[in-house]
């Protein structure tokens, strides 16, 4: 590329990908820790040939109009892309890239960590010690359910759900799952997993781990009714998307002892408000959307996002396109 294309990177990403972008383009990188405000974002993308966005950046017709007709590619630094109006991009012939696959094992690690921490009340225990309350060993202190040998219900049995199942197998757990489509019998056999309708899964599972995409059908999937189907000893874990769970209903269920505990990597909205009822509950563990936050995974995501961006600028097919139909249109 003799004339370096103009691109905007909506937040600083790991050097493994950022160096590729800055080496091949005339790049402007948003320098702040917080995402660019909407008006700043629209000004920044004006005249750009490519943009590298995050889940916090809404890519819609307004965004695309602000960028201009020369925009060649949108590269999203995430496996999810619910922040991008993909049909709008496709209608304009703009390929959209994401970073699938690389997050699978790291996200499954965090889902399992949240499950164990919530069950064994680790955050409570840490606060208890730091507050100077630990005076002696006590037989009734901070009791919680066992993880080993328990039944886990995995809602969404794709790559991450199956990775969680592999970890659960190591703890001798009974693996139940629900998905819109039942898995191939070979996949079920590989994980010793049993398909159940959602109502039966929620009623039988000691732990429920959510791994669904955010769609109109999954928004509010876990609501007051569904929480009522769960055991009072059950633990809910969400590493998918915040709006999959009705936060107000979850707060009520946790407060009233309808379920035992929850571990959340995602909330609705993000960040969660400091006065949200969930944050007042000892039996709710909330972390700030860090499922993919390992050095190796975030660096690989950066490399993939950079590869999509550069390929799109060159007019090549993106390595991981969200809308491959854009090439059929062309």
Protein backbone atom coordinates (compact mmCIF):
# COMPACT_ATOMS: atom_id res chain seq x y z
CA UNK A 1 0.00 0.00 0.00
CA UNK A 2 1.96 2.97 -1.30
CA UNK A 3 -0.51 5.50 0.10
CA UNK A 4 -1.05 4.56 3.71
CA UNK A 5 -4.78 4.20 4.43
CA UNK A 6 -6.36 6.20 7.20
CA UNK A 7 -7.72 4.17 10.10
CA UNK A 8 -9.12 4.78 13.55
CA UNK A 9 -8.51 2.40 16.47
CA UNK A 10 -11.16 3.00 19.12
CA UNK A 11 -8.95 2.01 22.08
CA UNK A 12 -5.38 0.97 22.64
CA UNK A 13 -5.00 -2.78 22.06
CA UNK A 14 -2.02 -5.04 22.87
CA UNK A 15 1.13 -4.28 20.91
CA UNK A 16 1.00 -7.65 19.13
CA UNK A 17 -1.82 -6.23 17.00
CA UNK A 18 -1.32 -2.51 17.36
CA UNK A 19 2.18 -2.65 15.88
CA UNK A 20 0.77 -4.35 12.79
CA UNK A 21 -1.84 -1.62 12.38
CA UNK A 22 0.51 1.31 12.93
CA UNK A 23 3.11 -0.25 10.67
CA UNK A 24 0.74 -0.56 7.73
CA UNK A 25 -1.55 2.45 8.09
CA UNK A 26 -1.90 6.06 9.09
CA UNK A 27 -3.55 5.20 12.38
CA UNK A 28 -5.16 7.35 15.03
CA UNK A 29 -5.52 5.50 18.33
CA UNK A 30 -7.96 6.72 20.96
CA UNK A 31 -5.65 7.27 23.94
CA UNK A 32 -8.03 7.16 26.90
CA UNK A 33 -9.00 4.18 29.03
CA UNK A 34 -12.68 5.02 28.57
CA UNK A 35 -14.20 4.64 25.09
CA UNK A 36 -14.67 7.71 22.91
CA UNK A 37 -17.96 9.54 23.48
CA UNK A 38 -20.37 9.15 20.60
CA UNK A 39 -19.75 12.59 19.10
CA UNK A 40 -15.98 12.13 19.33
CA UNK A 41 -16.26 8.68 17.75
CA UNK A 42 -18.24 9.99 14.80
CA UNK A 43 -15.71 12.77 14.23
CA UNK A 44 -12.79 10.38 14.52
CA UNK A 45 -14.04 7.92 11.89
CA UNK A 46 -14.76 10.62 9.30
CA UNK A 47 -12.79 9.91 6.14
CA UNK A 48 -11.36 6.64 7.44
CA UNK A 49 -10.64 3.70 5.16
CA UNK A 50 -10.89 1.26 8.05
CA UNK A 51 -11.91 1.18 11.70
CA UNK A 52 -10.99 -1.13 14.55
CA UNK A 53 -13.85 -1.08 17.05
CA UNK A 54 -14.68 -2.57 20.43
CA UNK A 55 -17.97 -3.79 21.91
CA UNK A 56 -18.43 -0.32 23.40
CA UNK A 57 -18.56 1.31 19.94
CA UNK A 58 -21.93 1.19 18.18
CA UNK A 59 -21.51 0.73 14.43
CA UNK A 60 -24.77 1.66 12.73
CA UNK A 61 -25.96 3.75 9.79
CA UNK A 62 -25.09 6.96 11.61
CA UNK A 63 -21.55 5.67 12.16
CA UNK A 64 -21.21 4.50 8.56
CA UNK A 65 -22.53 7.81 7.22
CA UNK A 66 -20.03 9.69 9.40
CA UNK A 67 -17.17 7.53 8.15
CA UNK A 68 -18.03 8.06 4.49
CA UNK A 69 -18.38 5.94 1.36
CA UNK A 70 -14.66 5.16 1.20
CA UNK A 71 -14.85 2.95 4.34
CA UNK A 72 -13.60 -0.52 3.40
CA UNK A 73 -13.65 -2.57 6.59
CA UNK A 74 -14.90 -2.74 10.17
CA UNK A 75 -12.74 -4.94 12.40
CA UNK A 76 -14.32 -5.67 15.79
CA UNK A 77 -11.96 -6.55 18.64
CA UNK A 78 -14.26 -9.20 20.11
CA UNK A 79 -15.85 -12.51 19.27
CA UNK A 80 -19.27 -10.94 19.76
CA UNK A 81 -20.56 -8.28 17.39
CA UNK A 82 -23.91 -7.19 18.78
CA UNK A 83 -22.53 -3.63 18.72
CA UNK A 84 -22.36 -3.78 14.90
CA UNK A 85 -25.34 -3.48 12.56
CA UNK A 86 -24.04 -6.20 10.27
CA UNK A 87 -26.86 -5.96 7.69
CA UNK A 88 -26.19 -2.23 7.35
CA UNK A 89 -22.52 -2.93 6.68
CA UNK A 90 -23.36 -5.69 4.23
CA UNK A 91 -25.77 -3.44 2.35
CA UNK A 92 -22.87 -1.04 1.80
CA UNK A 93 -20.47 -3.79 0.79
CA UNK A 94 -18.36 -3.43 3.95
CA UNK A 95 -16.93 -6.64 5.44
CA UNK A 96 -17.02 -6.97 9.23
CA UNK A 97 -14.43 -9.03 11.08
CA UNK A 98 -14.34 -10.49 14.58
CA UNK A 99 -11.99 -12.63 16.69
CA UNK A 100 -13.63 -16.05 17.15
CA UNK A 101 -12.16 -19.19 18.67
CA UNK A 102 -9.25 -17.65 20.51
CA UNK A 103 -11.35 -16.74 23.57
CA UNK A 104 -12.83 -20.19 24.10
CA UNK A 105 -10.53 -21.76 26.69
CA UNK A 106 -9.80 -18.53 28.57
CA UNK A 107 -13.50 -17.71 28.89
CA UNK A 108 -14.24 -21.22 30.07
CA UNK A 109 -11.51 -20.82 32.70
CA UNK A 110 -13.19 -17.72 34.07
CA UNK A 111 -16.66 -19.26 34.00
CA UNK A 112 -15.38 -22.12 36.11
CA UNK A 113 -13.51 -19.74 38.41
CA UNK A 114 -16.69 -17.71 38.99
CA UNK A 115 -18.64 -20.88 39.65
CA UNK A 116 -16.19 -22.12 42.27
CA UNK A 117 -15.67 -18.71 43.86
CA UNK A 118 -19.39 -18.08 44.21
CA UNK A 119 -20.10 -21.57 45.54
CA UNK A 120 -17.27 -21.56 48.08
CA UNK A 121 -17.88 -17.91 48.97
CA UNK A 122 -14.32 -16.80 48.32
CA UNK A 123 -15.02 -13.05 48.01
CA UNK A 124 -16.97 -13.16 51.28
CA UNK A 125 -14.14 -15.04 52.95
CA UNK A 126 -11.57 -12.53 51.77
CA UNK A 127 -13.65 -9.61 53.03
CA UNK A 128 -14.22 -11.43 56.33
CA UNK A 129 -10.48 -11.78 56.92
CA UNK A 130 -9.63 -8.22 55.86
CA UNK A 131 -12.33 -6.83 58.17
CA UNK A 132 -10.66 -8.51 61.15
CA UNK A 133 -13.59 -10.86 61.78
CA UNK A 134 -11.57 -14.09 61.66
CA UNK A 135 -11.21 -15.09 65.31
CA UNK A 136 -11.20 -18.89 65.13
CA UNK A 137 -12.02 -21.91 62.98
CA UNK A 138 -15.75 -22.55 63.07
CA UNK A 139 -17.78 -25.55 61.84
CA UNK A 140 -20.54 -23.35 60.43
CA UNK A 141 -18.38 -20.62 58.93
CA UNK A 142 -19.06 -19.69 55.26
CA UNK A 143 -20.59 -22.99 54.20
CA UNK A 144 -21.36 -23.50 50.52
CA UNK A 145 -22.22 -26.28 48.07
CA UNK A 146 -19.69 -28.76 46.73
CA UNK A 147 -18.66 -28.43 43.10
CA UNK A 148 -17.34 -31.96 42.63
CA UNK A 149 -20.04 -34.48 41.81
CA UNK A 150 -22.69 -31.80 41.31
CA UNK A 151 -24.89 -31.34 38.23
CA UNK A 152 -23.96 -28.50 35.91
CA UNK A 153 -26.46 -27.13 33.42
CA UNK A 154 -24.79 -25.46 30.44
CA UNK A 155 -27.08 -23.16 28.48
CA UNK A 156 -25.54 -22.73 25.03
CA UNK A 157 -23.45 -25.74 24.03
CA UNK A 158 -21.11 -24.18 21.50
CA UNK A 159 -17.34 -23.99 21.76
CA UNK A 160 -17.25 -22.25 25.14
CA UNK A 161 -20.05 -24.35 26.60
CA UNK A 162 -18.24 -27.52 25.57
CA UNK A 163 -14.98 -26.19 27.03
CA UNK A 164 -16.79 -25.69 30.35
CA UNK A 165 -18.07 -29.26 30.05
CA UNK A 166 -14.49 -30.53 29.72
CA UNK A 167 -13.56 -28.77 32.95
CA UNK A 168 -16.68 -30.06 34.69
CA UNK A 169 -15.76 -33.61 33.72
CA UNK A 170 -12.55 -33.25 35.71
CA UNK A 171 -14.66 -32.54 38.79
CA UNK A 172 -16.87 -35.56 38.22
CA UNK A 173 -19.88 -33.39 37.48
CA UNK A 174 -23.05 -34.55 35.78
CA UNK A 175 -23.26 -32.54 32.56
CA UNK A 176 -26.63 -31.30 31.36
CA UNK A 177 -27.07 -28.87 28.50
CA UNK A 178 -29.64 -26.90 26.58
CA UNK A 179 -29.34 -25.28 23.17
CA UNK A 180 -31.67 -24.28 20.36
CA UNK A 181 -30.40 -27.33 18.48
CA UNK A 182 -29.47 -30.62 20.08
CA UNK A 183 -25.80 -31.46 19.60
CA UNK A 184 -24.58 -34.27 17.41
CA UNK A 185 -24.66 -37.62 19.27
CA UNK A 186 -20.88 -37.86 18.91
CA UNK A 187 -20.46 -34.50 20.70
CA UNK A 188 -22.86 -35.59 23.44
CA UNK A 189 -20.91 -38.82 23.87
CA UNK A 190 -17.57 -37.00 23.95
CA UNK A 191 -18.74 -34.88 26.90
CA UNK A 192 -21.12 -37.40 28.49
CA UNK A 193 -23.68 -34.61 28.15
CA UNK A 194 -27.46 -34.93 28.32
CA UNK A 195 -29.78 -32.57 26.44
CA UNK A 196 -32.74 -31.21 28.39
CA UNK A 197 -35.43 -28.62 27.78
CA UNK A 198 -34.55 -25.42 29.61
CA UNK A 199 -37.24 -25.86 32.29
CA UNK A 200 -35.95 -29.33 33.24
CA UNK A 201 -32.31 -28.25 33.12
CA UNK A 202 -32.89 -25.32 35.47
CA UNK A 203 -34.84 -27.55 37.86
CA UNK A 204 -32.12 -30.22 38.00
CA UNK A 205 -28.86 -28.28 37.83
CA UNK A 206 -26.82 -27.33 40.89
CA UNK A 207 -24.86 -24.88 38.75
CA UNK A 208 -26.13 -23.05 35.66
CA UNK A 209 -23.57 -21.53 33.28
CA UNK A 210 -24.75 -19.28 30.43
CA UNK A 211 -22.98 -19.31 27.06
CA UNK A 212 -25.51 -17.97 24.53
CA UNK A 213 -25.23 -15.18 22.00
CA UNK A 214 -27.28 -12.06 22.62
CA UNK A 215 -30.27 -12.17 20.28
CA UNK A 216 -33.87 -11.00 20.56
CA UNK A 217 -34.70 -14.53 21.74
CA UNK A 218 -32.03 -14.63 24.48
CA UNK A 219 -32.51 -11.09 25.80
CA UNK A 220 -34.01 -11.56 29.26
CA UNK A 221 -33.77 -15.35 28.90
CA UNK A 222 -33.16 -15.76 32.62
CA UNK A 223 -36.04 -13.83 34.16
CA UNK A 224 -38.10 -14.13 37.33
CA UNK A 225 -40.00 -17.15 36.00
CA UNK A 226 -36.83 -19.04 35.02
CA UNK A 227 -35.12 -18.20 38.31
CA UNK A 228 -38.16 -19.68 40.01
CA UNK A 229 -37.45 -22.99 38.28
CA UNK A 230 -33.99 -23.22 39.85
CA UNK A 231 -33.00 -24.91 43.11
CA UNK A 232 -32.59 -22.70 46.20
CA UNK A 233 -29.07 -24.17 46.45
CA UNK A 234 -28.18 -23.37 42.82
CA UNK A 235 -25.47 -21.04 41.55
CA UNK A 236 -25.92 -19.01 38.35
CA UNK A 237 -22.90 -17.97 36.26
CA UNK A 238 -23.06 -15.56 33.32
CA UNK A 239 -20.09 -15.00 31.01
CA UNK A 240 -22.20 -14.45 27.89
CA UNK A 241 -23.88 -11.04 27.70
CA UNK A 242 -25.43 -8.98 30.47
CA UNK A 243 -28.92 -8.57 28.96
CA UNK A 244 -29.36 -12.36 28.88
CA UNK A 245 -30.23 -12.05 32.59
CA UNK A 246 -32.89 -9.80 34.08
CA UNK A 247 -30.74 -8.09 36.71
CA UNK A 248 -33.62 -6.86 38.87
CA UNK A 249 -35.16 -10.34 38.97
CA UNK A 250 -31.78 -11.85 39.83
CA UNK A 251 -31.27 -9.40 42.70
CA UNK A 252 -34.66 -10.35 44.11
CA UNK A 253 -33.95 -14.07 43.77
CA UNK A 254 -30.59 -13.73 45.51
CA UNK A 255 -31.96 -11.51 48.27
CA UNK A 256 -34.89 -13.82 48.97
CA UNK A 257 -32.84 -17.03 48.91
CA UNK A 258 -34.55 -18.28 45.77
CA UNK A 259 -31.09 -19.29 44.51
CA UNK A 260 -27.87 -19.57 46.51
CA UNK A 261 -25.44 -17.33 44.62
CA UNK A 262 -24.42 -15.82 41.28
CA UNK A 263 -21.14 -15.07 39.55
CA UNK A 264 -21.32 -12.43 36.81
CA UNK A 265 -18.67 -11.35 34.32
CA UNK A 266 -21.22 -9.28 32.39
CA UNK A 267 -24.03 -6.97 33.47
CA UNK A 268 -26.72 -4.77 31.98
CA UNK A 269 -25.71 -2.02 31.66
CA UNK A 270 -21.94 -2.10 31.59
CA UNK A 271 -20.46 -0.81 33.75
CA UNK A 272 -23.00 -1.72 36.40
CA UNK A 273 -24.26 1.25 38.43
CA UNK A 274 -22.65 1.53 41.84
CA UNK A 275 -26.09 1.63 43.47
CA UNK A 276 -27.34 -1.47 41.64
CA UNK A 277 -29.01 -3.86 44.13
CA UNK A 278 -26.77 -6.71 42.93
CA UNK A 279 -23.72 -4.98 44.41
CA UNK A 280 -25.28 -4.87 47.87
CA UNK A 281 -25.56 -8.65 48.04
CA UNK A 282 -22.83 -10.82 49.54
CA UNK A 283 -23.99 -13.77 47.45
CA UNK A 284 -23.42 -11.99 44.13
CA UNK A 285 -19.88 -11.90 42.72
CA UNK A 286 -19.40 -9.34 39.92
CA UNK A 287 -16.22 -8.84 37.87
CA UNK A 288 -15.74 -6.26 35.06
CA UNK A 289 -16.12 -8.28 31.84
CA UNK A 290 -12.71 -9.95 32.06
CA UNK A 291 -13.44 -13.41 30.64
CA UNK A 292 -10.82 -13.01 27.91
CA UNK A 293 -8.35 -11.07 30.07
CA UNK A 294 -5.25 -13.20 29.83
CA UNK A 295 -2.08 -11.84 28.28
CA UNK A 296 -2.00 -14.51 25.58
CA UNK A 297 -5.67 -14.31 24.63
CA UNK A 298 -5.91 -10.53 24.45
CA UNK A 299 -2.72 -10.42 22.36
CA UNK A 300 -4.04 -13.05 19.96
CA UNK A 301 -7.31 -11.11 19.66
CA UNK A 302 -5.27 -8.03 18.75
CA UNK A 303 -3.39 -9.96 16.06
CA UNK A 304 -6.64 -11.27 14.59
CA UNK A 305 -8.30 -7.85 14.63
CA UNK A 306 -5.25 -6.34 12.95
CA UNK A 307 -5.21 -9.09 10.31
CA UNK A 308 -8.88 -8.45 9.50
CA UNK A 309 -8.30 -4.71 9.28
CA UNK A 310 -5.26 -4.94 6.99
CA UNK A 311 -6.88 -7.55 4.75
CA UNK A 312 -9.95 -5.37 4.31
CA UNK A 313 -7.84 -2.35 3.46
CA UNK A 314 -6.03 -4.34 0.78
CA UNK A 315 -9.27 -5.59 -0.69
CA UNK A 316 -8.51 -9.15 0.40
CA UNK A 317 -11.00 -11.47 2.06
CA UNK A 318 -11.00 -11.08 5.84
CA UNK A 319 -9.54 -14.10 7.69
CA UNK A 320 -12.59 -14.20 9.99
CA UNK A 321 -15.52 -12.35 8.39
CA UNK A 322 -18.84 -12.06 10.20
CA UNK A 323 -20.66 -11.38 6.93
CA UNK A 324 -19.04 -13.53 4.22
CA UNK A 325 -22.11 -12.87 2.08
CA UNK A 326 -20.62 -9.46 1.34
CA UNK A 327 -18.20 -11.23 -0.99
CA UNK A 328 -21.08 -12.97 -2.76
CA UNK A 329 -22.64 -9.56 -3.33
CA UNK A 330 -19.39 -8.29 -4.82
